[in-house]
Amino acid sequence: MIYRIIDAKKAGHKITVSCKLLGVSPSGYFAWKKRGCERRRVCRDKMALAHVRERFSLSGETYGAPRIWHDLQEDGIGTGRNRIARLMRENDLKAHQKRRFKKTTDSQHSGRIAPNL
């Protein structure tokens, strides 16, 4: 947030002076500018979330964090299972397992009970 203020005011003030006034280092500002994101973790999370959403939709919304993590590991995308679980939780990506069909009535009655009169 501080770096955004410095970036907005760079036309009127020198960057080194603005950094001293706000109590940050000029090297930190330039690293932020080169990085393009506020934090490195945010950038990595955005990249991982794109892969997670792709895998989640390809699975028919049935894969949870462990299976998605395993698929990403096979593709060479190194990220932790806890990160994937956190991203899925924060973005409401919940695996929905389809229930098996269970027959509840026996219309043939196969002689076990009295005939249907």
Protein backbone atom coordinates (compact mmCIF):
# COMPACT_ATOMS: atom_id res chain seq x y z
CA MET A 1 0.00 0.00 0.00
CA ILE A 2 2.82 2.40 0.84
CA TYR A 3 4.52 1.60 -2.44
CA ARG A 4 1.38 2.52 -4.34
CA ILE A 5 1.40 5.93 -2.69
CA ILE A 6 5.05 6.44 -3.65
CA ASP A 7 4.27 5.33 -7.20
CA ALA A 8 1.37 7.78 -7.45
CA LYS A 9 3.48 10.72 -6.18
CA LYS A 10 6.67 9.98 -8.14
CA ALA A 11 5.94 12.75 -10.65
CA GLY A 12 6.04 15.46 -7.97
CA HIS A 13 8.70 14.05 -5.62
CA LYS A 14 11.88 12.03 -5.85
CA ILE A 15 11.43 8.37 -5.03
CA THR A 16 14.25 8.36 -2.46
CA VAL A 17 12.72 11.32 -0.61
CA SER A 18 9.26 9.73 -0.60
CA CYS A 19 10.70 6.47 0.70
CA LYS A 20 12.52 8.24 3.54
CA LEU A 21 9.37 10.16 4.51
CA LEU A 22 7.28 6.99 4.61
CA GLY A 23 9.96 4.90 6.33
CA VAL A 24 10.63 2.33 3.62
CA SER A 25 13.73 1.56 1.63
CA PRO A 26 14.08 2.57 -2.01
CA SER A 27 15.26 -0.96 -2.85
CA GLY A 28 11.98 -2.30 -1.44
CA TYR A 29 10.05 0.05 -3.72
CA PHE A 30 12.01 -1.00 -6.79
CA ALA A 31 11.62 -4.69 -5.91
CA TRP A 32 7.86 -4.15 -5.60
CA LYS A 33 7.78 -2.35 -8.95
CA LYS A 34 9.70 -5.15 -10.67
CA ARG A 35 7.61 -7.87 -9.04
CA GLY A 36 4.29 -6.46 -10.20
CA CYS A 37 2.31 -7.81 -7.25
CA GLU A 38 1.88 -6.52 -3.75
CA ARG A 39 3.36 -9.71 -2.31
CA ARG A 40 5.06 -12.74 -3.74
CA ARG A 41 2.58 -15.07 -2.04
CA VAL A 42 -0.34 -13.33 -3.74
CA CYS A 43 1.24 -13.88 -7.17
CA ARG A 44 1.88 -17.56 -6.45
CA ASP A 45 -1.64 -18.01 -5.13
CA LYS A 46 -3.12 -16.50 -8.30
CA MET A 47 -1.08 -18.85 -10.46
CA ALA A 48 -1.96 -21.90 -8.35
CA LEU A 49 -5.65 -20.94 -8.25
CA ALA A 50 -5.81 -20.87 -12.06
CA HIS A 51 -4.46 -24.44 -12.19
CA VAL A 52 -6.76 -25.57 -9.37
CA ARG A 53 -9.84 -24.15 -11.09
CA GLU A 54 -8.89 -25.84 -14.35
CA ARG A 55 -8.41 -29.25 -12.68
CA PHE A 56 -11.55 -28.82 -10.60
CA SER A 57 -13.70 -28.14 -13.65
CA LEU A 58 -12.08 -30.97 -15.66
CA SER A 59 -12.91 -33.41 -12.87
CA GLY A 60 -16.59 -32.48 -13.00
CA GLU A 61 -16.22 -30.76 -9.61
CA THR A 62 -15.57 -34.09 -7.90
CA TYR A 63 -11.86 -33.78 -6.99
CA GLY A 64 -10.84 -32.49 -3.60
CA ALA A 65 -7.54 -30.94 -2.57
CA PRO A 66 -5.54 -34.20 -2.27
CA ARG A 67 -6.42 -35.41 -5.78
CA ILE A 68 -5.88 -32.00 -7.37
CA TRP A 69 -2.55 -31.71 -5.56
CA HIS A 70 -1.54 -35.13 -6.88
CA ASP A 71 -2.48 -34.16 -10.45
CA LEU A 72 -0.51 -30.92 -10.23
CA GLN A 73 2.52 -32.79 -8.88
CA GLU A 74 2.38 -35.13 -11.87
CA ASP A 75 2.33 -32.12 -14.21
CA GLY A 76 5.40 -30.64 -12.50
CA ILE A 77 3.59 -27.77 -10.79
CA GLY A 78 5.16 -27.70 -7.35
CA THR A 79 2.85 -26.38 -4.67
CA GLY A 80 1.74 -27.64 -1.28
CA ARG A 81 -1.44 -29.57 -0.53
CA ASN A 82 -2.32 -27.18 2.28
CA ARG A 83 -2.09 -24.21 -0.10
CA ILE A 84 -4.44 -25.94 -2.52
CA ALA A 85 -6.85 -26.76 0.30
CA ARG A 86 -6.77 -23.13 1.49
CA LEU A 87 -7.36 -21.77 -2.02
CA MET A 88 -10.26 -24.16 -2.57
CA ARG A 89 -11.78 -23.23 0.79
CA GLU A 90 -11.42 -19.47 0.17
CA ASN A 91 -12.98 -19.74 -3.30
CA ASP A 92 -15.83 -22.12 -2.34
CA LEU A 93 -14.59 -24.96 -4.53
CA LYS A 94 -16.16 -27.96 -2.80
CA ALA A 95 -16.07 -31.46 -4.23
CA HIS A 96 -19.50 -32.96 -4.83
CA GLN A 97 -19.58 -36.75 -4.95
CA LYS A 98 -22.44 -38.30 -6.82
CA ARG A 99 -24.55 -40.72 -4.80
CA ARG A 100 -25.10 -44.24 -5.95
CA PHE A 101 -28.58 -45.24 -6.97
CA LYS A 102 -30.16 -47.35 -4.29
CA LYS A 103 -33.25 -49.35 -5.11
CA THR A 104 -35.72 -48.95 -2.25
CA THR A 105 -38.64 -51.07 -3.42
CA ASP A 106 -38.89 -54.63 -4.67
CA SER A 107 -41.73 -54.67 -7.15
CA GLN A 108 -41.19 -58.37 -7.98
CA HIS A 109 -41.80 -59.46 -4.36
CA SER A 110 -39.94 -62.68 -5.10
CA GLY A 111 -42.12 -64.75 -2.77
CA ARG A 112 -40.66 -63.40 0.48
CA ILE A 113 -43.79 -61.55 1.50
CA ALA A 114 -47.48 -61.89 0.86
CA PRO A 115 -48.69 -61.15 -2.64
CA ASN A 116 -49.82 -57.66 -3.36
CA LEU A 117 -53.62 -57.80 -3.41
